[in-house]
Full PDB file with SEQRES, HELIX, SHEET, SSBOND, CRYST1, ORIGX, SCALE, CONECT and MASTER records, all heavy atoms in Angstrom:
SEQRES   1 A   42  GLY ARG ASP PHE SER MET GLU THR LEU GLU LEU ASP PHE          
SEQRES   2 A   42  GLY THR SER LEU ARG ILE GLY ALA ASN ASN ILE GLN LEU          
SEQRES   3 A   42  ALA ASN ALA ASP TRP ALA ASP THR PRO GLU MET LEU THR          
SEQRES   4 A   42  VAL ASN ARG                                                  
SHEET    1 AA1 3 PHE A   4  SER A   5  0                                        
SHEET    2 AA1 3 ILE A  24  ALA A  27 -1                                        
SHEET    3 AA1 3 GLU A  36  VAL A  40 -1                                        
SHEET    1 AA2 2 THR A   8  PHE A  13  0                                        
SHEET    2 AA2 2 LEU A  17  ASN A  22 -1                                        
CRYST1    1.000    1.000    1.000  90.00  90.00  90.00 P 1           1          
ORIGX1      1.000000  0.000000  0.000000        0.00000                         
ORIGX2      0.000000  1.000000  0.000000        0.00000                         
ORIGX3      0.000000  0.000000  1.000000        0.00000                         
SCALE1      1.000000  0.000000  0.000000        0.00000                         
SCALE2      0.000000  1.000000  0.000000        0.00000                         
SCALE3      0.000000  0.000000  1.000000        0.00000                         
ATOM      1  N   GLY A   1     -85.098  -4.945  34.332  1.00  0.00           N  
ATOM      2  CA  GLY A   1     -86.335  -5.163  33.726  1.00  0.00           C  
ATOM      3  C   GLY A   1     -87.071  -3.976  33.202  1.00  0.00           C  
ATOM      4  O   GLY A   1     -88.242  -4.142  32.977  1.00  0.00           O  
ATOM      5  N   ARG A   2     -86.310  -2.880  33.148  1.00  0.00           N  
ATOM      6  CA  ARG A   2     -86.988  -1.711  32.599  1.00  0.00           C  
ATOM      7  C   ARG A   2     -86.179  -1.268  31.401  1.00  0.00           C  
ATOM      8  O   ARG A   2     -85.019  -1.381  31.218  1.00  0.00           O  
ATOM      9  CB  ARG A   2     -86.836  -0.600  33.652  1.00  0.00           C  
ATOM     10  CG  ARG A   2     -87.437  -0.905  34.984  1.00  0.00           C  
ATOM     11  CD  ARG A   2     -88.888  -0.622  35.202  1.00  0.00           C  
ATOM     12  NE  ARG A   2     -89.376  -0.927  36.413  1.00  0.00           N  
ATOM     13  CZ  ARG A   2     -89.450  -0.086  37.397  1.00  0.00           C  
ATOM     14  NH1 ARG A   2     -88.877   1.041  37.408  1.00  0.00           N  
ATOM     15  NH2 ARG A   2     -89.865  -0.501  38.712  1.00  0.00           N  
ATOM     16  N   ASP A   3     -86.955  -0.485  30.539  1.00  0.00           N  
ATOM     17  CA  ASP A   3     -86.190   0.261  29.385  1.00  0.00           C  
ATOM     18  C   ASP A   3     -85.208   1.277  29.848  1.00  0.00           C  
ATOM     19  O   ASP A   3     -85.510   1.947  30.778  1.00  0.00           O  
ATOM     20  CB  ASP A   3     -87.179   0.915  28.462  1.00  0.00           C  
ATOM     21  CG  ASP A   3     -87.989  -0.027  27.607  1.00  0.00           C  
ATOM     22  OD1 ASP A   3     -87.572  -1.254  27.548  1.00  0.00           O  
ATOM     23  OD2 ASP A   3     -89.115   0.275  27.235  1.00  0.00           O  
ATOM     24  N   PHE A   4     -84.032   1.294  29.288  1.00  0.00           N  
ATOM     25  CA  PHE A   4     -83.024   2.136  29.756  1.00  0.00           C  
ATOM     26  C   PHE A   4     -82.332   2.726  28.432  1.00  0.00           C  
ATOM     27  O   PHE A   4     -82.060   1.994  27.482  1.00  0.00           O  
ATOM     28  CB  PHE A   4     -81.960   1.517  30.491  1.00  0.00           C  
ATOM     29  CG  PHE A   4     -80.776   2.429  30.982  1.00  0.00           C  
ATOM     30  CD1 PHE A   4     -80.886   3.358  32.008  1.00  0.00           C  
ATOM     31  CD2 PHE A   4     -79.517   2.249  30.300  1.00  0.00           C  
ATOM     32  CE1 PHE A   4     -79.837   4.090  32.333  1.00  0.00           C  
ATOM     33  CE2 PHE A   4     -78.499   3.064  30.678  1.00  0.00           C  
ATOM     34  CZ  PHE A   4     -78.556   4.047  31.687  1.00  0.00           C  
ATOM     35  N   SER A   5     -81.975   4.022  28.366  1.00  0.00           N  
ATOM     36  CA  SER A   5     -81.363   4.681  27.348  1.00  0.00           C  
ATOM     37  C   SER A   5     -80.585   5.870  27.663  1.00  0.00           C  
ATOM     38  O   SER A   5     -80.646   6.419  28.735  1.00  0.00           O  
ATOM     39  CB  SER A   5     -82.497   5.145  26.200  1.00  0.00           C  
ATOM     40  OG  SER A   5     -83.178   6.159  26.865  1.00  0.00           O  
ATOM     41  N   MET A   6     -79.522   6.082  26.799  1.00  0.00           N  
ATOM     42  CA  MET A   6     -78.692   7.361  26.987  1.00  0.00           C  
ATOM     43  C   MET A   6     -78.491   7.797  25.433  1.00  0.00           C  
ATOM     44  O   MET A   6     -78.138   6.946  24.612  1.00  0.00           O  
ATOM     45  CB  MET A   6     -77.507   7.032  27.692  1.00  0.00           C  
ATOM     46  CG  MET A   6     -76.474   6.003  27.123  1.00  0.00           C  
ATOM     47  SD  MET A   6     -74.944   5.788  28.053  1.00  0.00           S  
ATOM     48  CE  MET A   6     -75.585   4.867  29.550  1.00  0.00           C  
ATOM     49  N   GLU A   7     -78.462   9.139  25.362  1.00  0.00           N  
ATOM     50  CA  GLU A   7     -78.297   9.665  23.991  1.00  0.00           C  
ATOM     51  C   GLU A   7     -76.870   9.607  23.546  1.00  0.00           C  
ATOM     52  O   GLU A   7     -76.496   9.195  22.385  1.00  0.00           O  
ATOM     53  CB  GLU A   7     -78.684  11.093  23.958  1.00  0.00           C  
ATOM     54  CG  GLU A   7     -78.692  11.772  22.545  1.00  0.00           C  
ATOM     55  CD  GLU A   7     -79.185  13.237  22.603  1.00  0.00           C  
ATOM     56  OE1 GLU A   7     -80.135  13.457  23.438  1.00  0.00           O  
ATOM     57  OE2 GLU A   7     -78.702  13.982  21.747  1.00  0.00           O  
ATOM     58  N   THR A   8     -75.910   9.835  24.361  1.00  0.00           N  
ATOM     59  CA  THR A   8     -74.507   9.806  24.017  1.00  0.00           C  
ATOM     60  C   THR A   8     -73.684   9.210  25.199  1.00  0.00           C  
ATOM     61  O   THR A   8     -74.098   9.349  26.443  1.00  0.00           O  
ATOM     62  CB  THR A   8     -73.848  11.110  23.647  1.00  0.00           C  
ATOM     63  OG1 THR A   8     -74.060  12.091  24.695  1.00  0.00           O  
ATOM     64  CG2 THR A   8     -74.626  11.723  22.450  1.00  0.00           C  
ATOM     65  N   LEU A   9     -72.544   8.637  24.988  1.00  0.00           N  
ATOM     66  CA  LEU A   9     -71.609   8.239  25.956  1.00  0.00           C  
ATOM     67  C   LEU A   9     -70.226   8.436  25.474  1.00  0.00           C  
ATOM     68  O   LEU A   9     -69.838   8.201  24.385  1.00  0.00           O  
ATOM     69  CB  LEU A   9     -71.886   6.740  26.088  1.00  0.00           C  
ATOM     70  CG  LEU A   9     -70.868   5.995  27.166  1.00  0.00           C  
ATOM     71  CD1 LEU A   9     -71.067   6.424  28.571  1.00  0.00           C  
ATOM     72  CD2 LEU A   9     -71.071   4.420  27.006  1.00  0.00           C  
ATOM     73  N   GLU A  10     -69.471   8.995  26.401  1.00  0.00           N  
ATOM     74  CA  GLU A  10     -68.079   9.149  25.996  1.00  0.00           C  
ATOM     75  C   GLU A  10     -67.241   8.566  27.136  1.00  0.00           C  
ATOM     76  O   GLU A  10     -67.376   8.705  28.320  1.00  0.00           O  
ATOM     77  CB  GLU A  10     -67.703  10.710  26.026  1.00  0.00           C  
ATOM     78  CG  GLU A  10     -68.619  11.628  25.277  1.00  0.00           C  
ATOM     79  CD  GLU A  10     -69.483  12.389  26.061  1.00  0.00           C  
ATOM     80  OE1 GLU A  10     -69.210  12.885  27.046  1.00  0.00           O  
ATOM     81  OE2 GLU A  10     -70.794  12.311  25.755  1.00  0.00           O  
ATOM     82  N   LEU A  11     -66.167   7.916  26.614  1.00  0.00           N  
ATOM     83  CA  LEU A  11     -65.295   7.155  27.514  1.00  0.00           C  
ATOM     84  C   LEU A  11     -63.786   7.522  27.144  1.00  0.00           C  
ATOM     85  O   LEU A  11     -63.416   7.686  26.044  1.00  0.00           O  
ATOM     86  CB  LEU A  11     -65.379   5.635  27.397  1.00  0.00           C  
ATOM     87  CG  LEU A  11     -66.613   4.999  28.011  1.00  0.00           C  
ATOM     88  CD1 LEU A  11     -66.744   3.520  27.750  1.00  0.00           C  
ATOM     89  CD2 LEU A  11     -66.733   5.186  29.499  1.00  0.00           C  
ATOM     90  N   ASP A  12     -62.997   7.679  28.260  1.00  0.00           N  
ATOM     91  CA  ASP A  12     -61.534   8.076  28.052  1.00  0.00           C  
ATOM     92  C   ASP A  12     -60.717   7.260  28.999  1.00  0.00           C  
ATOM     93  O   ASP A  12     -61.031   7.263  30.214  1.00  0.00           O  
ATOM     94  CB  ASP A  12     -61.326   9.563  28.274  1.00  0.00           C  
ATOM     95  CG  ASP A  12     -59.978   9.894  27.919  1.00  0.00           C  
ATOM     96  OD1 ASP A  12     -59.225   9.277  27.110  1.00  0.00           O  
ATOM     97  OD2 ASP A  12     -59.451  10.785  28.645  1.00  0.00           O  
ATOM     98  N   PHE A  13     -59.727   6.588  28.413  1.00  0.00           N  
ATOM     99  CA  PHE A  13     -58.948   5.661  29.274  1.00  0.00           C  
ATOM    100  C   PHE A  13     -57.499   6.347  29.237  1.00  0.00           C  
ATOM    101  O   PHE A  13     -57.027   6.626  28.206  1.00  0.00           O  
ATOM    102  CB  PHE A  13     -58.887   4.338  28.808  1.00  0.00           C  
ATOM    103  CG  PHE A  13     -60.171   3.541  28.753  1.00  0.00           C  
ATOM    104  CD1 PHE A  13     -61.061   3.524  27.723  1.00  0.00           C  
ATOM    105  CD2 PHE A  13     -60.655   2.963  29.997  1.00  0.00           C  
ATOM    106  CE1 PHE A  13     -62.252   3.000  27.629  1.00  0.00           C  
ATOM    107  CE2 PHE A  13     -61.971   2.349  29.976  1.00  0.00           C  
ATOM    108  CZ  PHE A  13     -62.680   2.358  28.725  1.00  0.00           C  
ATOM    109  N   GLY A  14     -56.841   6.448  30.461  1.00  0.00           N  
ATOM    110  CA  GLY A  14     -55.523   6.974  30.528  1.00  0.00           C  
ATOM    111  C   GLY A  14     -55.037   6.846  32.022  1.00  0.00           C  
ATOM    112  O   GLY A  14     -55.250   5.801  32.649  1.00  0.00           O  
ATOM    113  N   THR A  15     -54.545   7.875  32.530  1.00  0.00           N  
ATOM    114  CA  THR A  15     -54.167   7.929  33.881  1.00  0.00           C  
ATOM    115  C   THR A  15     -55.445   7.869  34.813  1.00  0.00           C  
ATOM    116  O   THR A  15     -55.475   7.671  35.960  1.00  0.00           O  
ATOM    117  CB  THR A  15     -53.234   9.027  34.336  1.00  0.00           C  
ATOM    118  OG1 THR A  15     -53.977  10.251  33.881  1.00  0.00           O  
ATOM    119  CG2 THR A  15     -52.002   8.974  33.549  1.00  0.00           C  
ATOM    120  N   SER A  16     -56.647   8.251  34.125  1.00  0.00           N  
ATOM    121  CA  SER A  16     -57.979   8.263  34.774  1.00  0.00           C  
ATOM    122  C   SER A  16     -58.876   7.590  33.837  1.00  0.00           C  
ATOM    123  O   SER A  16     -58.726   7.562  32.567  1.00  0.00           O  
ATOM    124  CB  SER A  16     -58.389   9.634  35.164  1.00  0.00           C  
ATOM    125  OG  SER A  16     -57.540  10.262  36.024  1.00  0.00           O  
ATOM    126  N   LEU A  17     -59.912   7.013  34.435  1.00  0.00           N  
ATOM    127  CA  LEU A  17     -60.983   6.487  33.693  1.00  0.00           C  
ATOM    128  C   LEU A  17     -62.190   7.543  33.807  1.00  0.00           C  
ATOM    129  O   LEU A  17     -62.700   7.863  34.844  1.00  0.00           O  
ATOM    130  CB  LEU A  17     -61.501   5.109  34.305  1.00  0.00           C  
ATOM    131  CG  LEU A  17     -62.855   4.535  33.775  1.00  0.00           C  
ATOM    132  CD1 LEU A  17     -62.849   4.351  32.212  1.00  0.00           C  
ATOM    133  CD2 LEU A  17     -63.281   3.329  34.419  1.00  0.00           C  
ATOM    134  N   ARG A  18     -62.542   8.108  32.654  1.00  0.00           N  
ATOM    135  CA  ARG A  18     -63.492   9.187  32.560  1.00  0.00           C  
ATOM    136  C   ARG A  18     -64.579   8.752  31.858  1.00  0.00           C  
ATOM    137  O   ARG A  18     -64.615   8.145  30.746  1.00  0.00           O  
ATOM    138  CB  ARG A  18     -62.889  10.368  31.974  1.00  0.00           C  
ATOM    139  CG  ARG A  18     -61.742  11.041  32.760  1.00  0.00           C  
ATOM    140  CD  ARG A  18     -61.353  12.387  32.071  1.00  0.00           C  
ATOM    141  NE  ARG A  18     -60.217  12.977  32.845  1.00  0.00           N  
ATOM    142  CZ  ARG A  18     -58.931  12.761  32.525  1.00  0.00           C  
ATOM    143  NH1 ARG A  18     -58.666  11.895  31.574  1.00  0.00           N  
ATOM    144  NH2 ARG A  18     -58.032  13.410  33.245  1.00  0.00           N  
ATOM    145  N   ILE A  19     -65.922   9.052  32.334  1.00  0.00           N  
ATOM    146  CA  ILE A  19     -67.071   8.518  31.661  1.00  0.00           C  
ATOM    147  C   ILE A  19     -68.002   9.947  31.635  1.00  0.00           C  
ATOM    148  O   ILE A  19     -68.158  10.596  32.647  1.00  0.00           O  
ATOM    149  CB  ILE A  19     -67.860   7.507  32.458  1.00  0.00           C  
ATOM    150  CG1 ILE A  19     -67.012   6.173  32.546  1.00  0.00           C  
ATOM    151  CG2 ILE A  19     -69.246   7.166  31.755  1.00  0.00           C  
ATOM    152  CD1 ILE A  19     -67.602   5.083  33.372  1.00  0.00           C  
ATOM    153  N   GLY A  20     -68.658   9.987  30.440  1.00  0.00           N  
ATOM    154  CA  GLY A  20     -69.604  11.125  30.320  1.00  0.00           C  
ATOM    155  C   GLY A  20     -70.771  10.682  29.601  1.00  0.00           C  
ATOM    156  O   GLY A  20     -70.763   9.930  28.552  1.00  0.00           O  
ATOM    157  N   ALA A  21     -72.005  11.067  30.005  1.00  0.00           N  
ATOM    158  CA  ALA A  21     -73.251  10.671  29.359  1.00  0.00           C  
ATOM    159  C   ALA A  21     -74.201  11.770  29.377  1.00  0.00           C  
ATOM    160  O   ALA A  21     -74.300  12.583  30.257  1.00  0.00           O  
ATOM    161  CB  ALA A  21     -73.835   9.384  30.073  1.00  0.00           C  
ATOM    162  N   ASN A  22     -75.141  11.825  28.189  1.00  0.00           N  
ATOM    163  CA  ASN A  22     -76.094  12.830  28.083  1.00  0.00           C  
ATOM    164  C   ASN A  22     -77.417  12.126  27.982  1.00  0.00           C  
ATOM    165  O   ASN A  22     -77.659  11.108  27.322  1.00  0.00           O  
ATOM    166  CB  ASN A  22     -75.876  13.603  26.928  1.00  0.00           C  
ATOM    167  CG  ASN A  22     -74.642  14.549  26.999  1.00  0.00           C  
ATOM    168  OD1 ASN A  22     -74.420  14.979  28.093  1.00  0.00           O  
ATOM    169  ND2 ASN A  22     -73.948  14.761  25.932  1.00  0.00           N  
ATOM    170  N   ASN A  23     -78.409  12.769  28.565  1.00  0.00           N  
ATOM    171  CA  ASN A  23     -79.876  12.415  28.402  1.00  0.00           C  
ATOM    172  C   ASN A  23     -80.117  10.909  28.729  1.00  0.00           C  
ATOM    173  O   ASN A  23     -80.454  10.112  27.969  1.00  0.00           O  
ATOM    174  CB  ASN A  23     -80.272  12.552  26.859  1.00  0.00           C  
ATOM    175  CG  ASN A  23     -80.275  14.162  26.608  1.00  0.00           C  
ATOM    176  OD1 ASN A  23     -80.512  15.021  27.529  1.00  0.00           O  
ATOM    177  ND2 ASN A  23     -80.147  14.463  25.328  1.00  0.00           N  
ATOM    178  N   ILE A  24     -79.792  10.592  30.043  1.00  0.00           N  
ATOM    179  CA  ILE A  24     -80.023   9.246  30.509  1.00  0.00           C  
ATOM    180  C   ILE A  24     -81.487   9.219  31.038  1.00  0.00           C  
ATOM    181  O   ILE A  24     -82.070  10.007  31.640  1.00  0.00           O  
ATOM    182  CB  ILE A  24     -79.152   8.950  31.692  1.00  0.00           C  
ATOM    183  CG1 ILE A  24     -77.692   9.151  31.274  1.00  0.00           C  
ATOM    184  CG2 ILE A  24     -79.360   7.679  32.251  1.00  0.00           C  
ATOM    185  CD1 ILE A  24     -76.710   9.169  32.400  1.00  0.00           C  
ATOM    186  N   GLN A  25     -82.176   8.020  30.636  1.00  0.00           N  
ATOM    187  CA  GLN A  25     -83.461   7.805  31.071  1.00  0.00           C  
ATOM    188  C   GLN A  25     -83.724   6.297  31.409  1.00  0.00           C  
ATOM    189  O   GLN A  25     -83.300   5.483  30.839  1.00  0.00           O  
ATOM    190  CB  GLN A  25     -84.650   8.025  29.788  1.00  0.00           C  
ATOM    191  CG  GLN A  25     -84.564   9.513  29.415  1.00  0.00           C  
ATOM    192  CD  GLN A  25     -85.649   9.811  28.391  1.00  0.00           C  
ATOM    193  OE1 GLN A  25     -86.130   8.845  27.618  1.00  0.00           O  
ATOM    194  NE2 GLN A  25     -86.024  11.054  28.165  1.00  0.00           N  
ATOM    195  N   LEU A  26     -84.401   6.143  32.521  1.00  0.00           N  
ATOM    196  CA  LEU A  26     -84.784   4.808  33.077  1.00  0.00           C  
ATOM    197  C   LEU A  26     -86.280   4.769  33.253  1.00  0.00           C  
ATOM    198  O   LEU A  26     -86.850   5.578  33.929  1.00  0.00           O  
ATOM    199  CB  LEU A  26     -84.169   4.482  34.440  1.00  0.00           C  
ATOM    200  CG  LEU A  26     -84.520   3.212  35.035  1.00  0.00           C  
ATOM    201  CD1 LEU A  26     -84.108   2.071  34.246  1.00  0.00           C  
ATOM    202  CD2 LEU A  26     -83.993   3.025  36.493  1.00  0.00           C  
ATOM    203  N   ALA A  27     -86.955   3.858  32.540  1.00  0.00           N  
ATOM    204  CA  ALA A  27     -88.479   3.763  32.545  1.00  0.00           C  
ATOM    205  C   ALA A  27     -89.051   3.419  33.907  1.00  0.00           C  
ATOM    206  O   ALA A  27     -88.394   2.804  34.821  1.00  0.00           O  
ATOM    207  CB  ALA A  27     -88.897   2.733  31.615  1.00  0.00           C  
ATOM    208  N   ASN A  28     -90.211   3.911  34.145  1.00  0.00           N  
ATOM    209  CA  ASN A  28     -90.933   3.785  35.450  1.00  0.00           C  
ATOM    210  C   ASN A  28     -91.722   2.521  35.353  1.00  0.00           C  
ATOM    211  O   ASN A  28     -91.789   1.808  34.386  1.00  0.00           O  
ATOM    212  CB  ASN A  28     -91.967   5.006  35.660  1.00  0.00           C  
ATOM    213  CG  ASN A  28     -92.076   5.343  37.103  1.00  0.00           C  
ATOM    214  OD1 ASN A  28     -91.767   4.551  38.045  1.00  0.00           O  
ATOM    215  ND2 ASN A  28     -92.445   6.549  37.388  1.00  0.00           N  
ATOM    216  N   ALA A  29     -92.309   2.178  36.530  1.00  0.00           N  
ATOM    217  CA  ALA A  29     -93.130   0.935  36.588  1.00  0.00           C  
ATOM    218  C   ALA A  29     -94.384   1.162  35.781  1.00  0.00           C  
ATOM    219  O   ALA A  29     -94.715   2.257  35.485  1.00  0.00           O  
ATOM    220  CB  ALA A  29     -93.634   0.690  38.005  1.00  0.00           C  
ATOM    221  N   ASP A  30     -94.884   0.022  35.219  1.00  0.00           N  
ATOM    222  CA  ASP A  30     -96.044   0.198  34.282  1.00  0.00           C  
ATOM    223  C   ASP A  30     -97.259   0.936  34.987  1.00  0.00           C  
ATOM    224  O   ASP A  30     -98.023   1.625  34.230  1.00  0.00           O  
ATOM    225  CB  ASP A  30     -96.542  -1.079  33.917  1.00  0.00           C  
ATOM    226  CG  ASP A  30     -95.575  -1.881  33.096  1.00  0.00           C  
ATOM    227  OD1 ASP A  30     -94.601  -1.240  32.439  1.00  0.00           O  
ATOM    228  OD2 ASP A  30     -95.481  -3.196  33.014  1.00  0.00           O  
ATOM    229  N   TRP A  31     -97.444   0.928  36.234  1.00  0.00           N  
ATOM    230  CA  TRP A  31     -98.651   1.415  36.849  1.00  0.00           C  
ATOM    231  C   TRP A  31     -98.432   2.819  37.397  1.00  0.00           C  
ATOM    232  O   TRP A  31     -99.266   3.517  37.969  1.00  0.00           O  
ATOM    233  CB  TRP A  31     -99.020   0.564  38.120  1.00  0.00           C  
ATOM    234  CG  TRP A  31     -97.879   0.165  39.014  1.00  0.00           C  
ATOM    235  CD1 TRP A  31     -97.136  -0.953  39.038  1.00  0.00           C  
ATOM    236  CD2 TRP A  31     -97.224   0.979  39.989  1.00  0.00           C  
ATOM    237  NE1 TRP A  31     -96.147  -0.983  39.945  1.00  0.00           N  
ATOM    238  CE2 TRP A  31     -96.197   0.183  40.568  1.00  0.00           C  
ATOM    239  CE3 TRP A  31     -97.366   2.363  40.515  1.00  0.00           C  
ATOM    240  CZ2 TRP A  31     -95.416   0.730  41.502  1.00  0.00           C  
ATOM    241  CZ3 TRP A  31     -96.529   2.762  41.463  1.00  0.00           C  
ATOM    242  CH2 TRP A  31     -95.587   2.047  42.078  1.00  0.00           C  
ATOM    243  N   ALA A  32     -97.205   3.358  37.199  1.00  0.00           N  
ATOM    244  CA  ALA A  32     -96.739   4.740  37.624  1.00  0.00           C  
ATOM    245  C   ALA A  32     -97.283   5.881  36.844  1.00  0.00           C  
ATOM    246  O   ALA A  32     -97.881   5.594  35.803  1.00  0.00           O  
ATOM    247  CB  ALA A  32     -95.330   4.828  37.743  1.00  0.00           C  
ATOM    248  N   ASP A  33     -97.425   7.041  37.505  1.00  0.00           N  
ATOM    249  CA  ASP A  33     -98.064   8.190  36.773  1.00  0.00           C  
ATOM    250  C   ASP A  33     -97.184   8.713  35.630  1.00  0.00           C  
ATOM    251  O   ASP A  33     -97.869   9.332  34.724  1.00  0.00           O  
ATOM    252  CB  ASP A  33     -98.287   9.193  37.895  1.00  0.00           C  
ATOM    253  CG  ASP A  33     -99.211   8.849  38.857  1.00  0.00           C  
ATOM    254  OD1 ASP A  33    -100.034   7.922  38.626  1.00  0.00           O  
ATOM    255  OD2 ASP A  33     -99.425   9.387  40.036  1.00  0.00           O  
ATOM    256  N   THR A  34     -95.874   8.561  35.670  1.00  0.00           N  
ATOM    257  CA  THR A  34     -95.018   9.189  34.700  1.00  0.00           C  
ATOM    258  C   THR A  34     -94.308   8.055  33.882  1.00  0.00           C  
ATOM    259  O   THR A  34     -94.079   7.011  34.491  1.00  0.00           O  
ATOM    260  CB  THR A  34     -93.999  10.190  35.418  1.00  0.00           C  
ATOM    261  OG1 THR A  34     -93.229   9.384  36.331  1.00  0.00           O  
ATOM    262  CG2 THR A  34     -94.648  11.275  36.053  1.00  0.00           C  
ATOM    263  N   PRO A  35     -93.926   8.320  32.707  1.00  0.00           N  
ATOM    264  CA  PRO A  35     -93.308   7.258  31.921  1.00  0.00           C  
ATOM    265  C   PRO A  35     -91.792   7.018  32.469  1.00  0.00           C  
ATOM    266  O   PRO A  35     -91.373   5.763  32.335  1.00  0.00           O  
ATOM    267  CB  PRO A  35     -93.371   7.720  30.526  1.00  0.00           C  
ATOM    268  CG  PRO A  35     -93.408   9.058  30.622  1.00  0.00           C  
ATOM    269  CD  PRO A  35     -94.293   9.420  31.817  1.00  0.00           C  
ATOM    270  N   GLU A  36     -91.114   7.952  32.934  1.00  0.00           N  
ATOM    271  CA  GLU A  36     -89.849   7.904  33.443  1.00  0.00           C  
ATOM    272  C   GLU A  36     -89.744   7.925  34.877  1.00  0.00           C  
ATOM    273  O   GLU A  36     -90.344   8.742  35.534  1.00  0.00           O  
ATOM    274  CB  GLU A  36     -88.866   8.955  32.804  1.00  0.00           C  
ATOM    275  CG  GLU A  36     -88.493   8.591  31.255  1.00  0.00           C  
ATOM    276  CD  GLU A  36     -89.538   9.091  30.395  1.00  0.00           C  
ATOM    277  OE1 GLU A  36     -90.111   9.987  30.722  1.00  0.00           O  
ATOM    278  OE2 GLU A  36     -89.720   8.413  29.387  1.00  0.00           O  
ATOM    279  N   MET A  37     -88.842   6.881  35.488  1.00  0.00           N  
ATOM    280  CA  MET A  37     -88.542   6.984  36.874  1.00  0.00           C  
ATOM    281  C   MET A  37     -87.335   7.912  37.129  1.00  0.00           C  
ATOM    282  O   MET A  37     -87.194   8.573  38.202  1.00  0.00           O  
ATOM    283  CB  MET A  37     -88.252   5.613  37.396  1.00  0.00           C  
ATOM    284  CG  MET A  37     -87.799   5.532  38.835  1.00  0.00           C  
ATOM    285  SD  MET A  37     -87.453   3.759  39.298  1.00  0.00           S  
ATOM    286  CE  MET A  37     -86.486   4.066  40.801  1.00  0.00           C  
ATOM    287  N   LEU A  38     -86.440   8.038  36.198  1.00  0.00           N  
ATOM    288  CA  LEU A  38     -85.215   8.735  36.342  1.00  0.00           C  
ATOM    289  C   LEU A  38     -84.746   9.343  35.053  1.00  0.00           C  
ATOM    290  O   LEU A  38     -84.766   8.662  33.950  1.00  0.00           O  
ATOM    291  CB  LEU A  38     -84.027   7.842  36.829  1.00  0.00           C  
ATOM    292  CG  LEU A  38     -82.630   8.345  36.774  1.00  0.00           C  
ATOM    293  CD1 LEU A  38     -82.493   9.538  37.780  1.00  0.00           C  
ATOM    294  CD2 LEU A  38     -81.608   7.202  36.998  1.00  0.00           C  
ATOM    295  N   THR A  39     -84.511  10.563  35.095  1.00  0.00           N  
ATOM    296  CA  THR A  39     -83.934  11.298  33.858  1.00  0.00           C  
ATOM    297  C   THR A  39     -82.773  12.117  34.289  1.00  0.00           C  
ATOM    298  O   THR A  39     -82.869  12.796  35.446  1.00  0.00           O  
ATOM    299  CB  THR A  39     -84.989  12.133  33.111  1.00  0.00           C  
ATOM    300  OG1 THR A  39     -85.495  13.125  33.995  1.00  0.00           O  
ATOM    301  CG2 THR A  39     -86.209  11.456  32.585  1.00  0.00           C  
ATOM    302  N   VAL A  40     -81.679  12.121  33.618  1.00  0.00           N  
ATOM    303  CA  VAL A  40     -80.444  12.917  33.916  1.00  0.00           C  
ATOM    304  C   VAL A  40     -80.009  13.583  32.583  1.00  0.00           C  
ATOM    305  O   VAL A  40     -79.794  12.883  31.548  1.00  0.00           O  
ATOM    306  CB  VAL A  40     -79.401  11.929  34.299  1.00  0.00           C  
ATOM    307  CG1 VAL A  40     -78.110  12.795  34.619  1.00  0.00           C  
ATOM    308  CG2 VAL A  40     -79.798  11.239  35.712  1.00  0.00           C  
ATOM    309  N   ASN A  41     -79.881  14.854  32.672  1.00  0.00           N  
ATOM    310  CA  ASN A  41     -79.378  15.692  31.556  1.00  0.00           C  
ATOM    311  C   ASN A  41     -77.908  15.338  31.255  1.00  0.00           C  
ATOM    312  O   ASN A  41     -77.548  15.048  30.088  1.00  0.00           O  
ATOM    313  CB  ASN A  41     -79.621  17.160  31.828  1.00  0.00           C  
ATOM    314  CG  ASN A  41     -79.254  17.894  30.550  1.00  0.00           C  
ATOM    315  OD1 ASN A  41     -79.782  17.709  29.471  1.00  0.00           O  
ATOM    316  ND2 ASN A  41     -78.451  18.990  30.734  1.00  0.00           N  
ATOM    317  N   ARG A  42     -77.022  15.419  32.357  1.00  0.00           N  
ATOM    318  CA  ARG A  42     -75.589  15.298  32.089  1.00  0.00           C  
ATOM    319  C   ARG A  42     -74.949  14.555  33.303  1.00  0.00           C  
ATOM    320  O   ARG A  42     -75.230  15.031  34.409  1.00  0.00           O  
ATOM    321  CB  ARG A  42     -74.886  16.601  31.862  1.00  0.00           C  
ATOM    322  CG  ARG A  42     -73.434  16.463  31.736  1.00  0.00           C  
ATOM    323  CD  ARG A  42     -72.970  15.766  30.465  1.00  0.00           C  
ATOM    324  NE  ARG A  42     -71.477  15.718  30.264  1.00  0.00           N  
ATOM    325  CZ  ARG A  42     -70.859  14.998  29.359  1.00  0.00           C  
ATOM    326  NH1 ARG A  42     -71.514  14.353  28.378  1.00  0.00           N  
ATOM    327  NH2 ARG A  42     -69.582  15.137  29.344  1.00  0.00           N  
TER     328      ARG A  42                                                      
MASTER        0    0    0    0    5    0    0    6  327    1    0    4          
END                                                                             
C-alpha cells in the first residue's frame, strides 16, 4: 500500500539467478516525519 520505486534493475539467468538494483525507495507512512521509510543505494 506504499509507493515503491527503483531506478534500475538488472537480471541474469544462467547457472545462477542474479539480481541487481539501484536507488530503491519505499515510501513512509503518511504521518511519518520523513517521506521514505527505506532507501537503498545498491
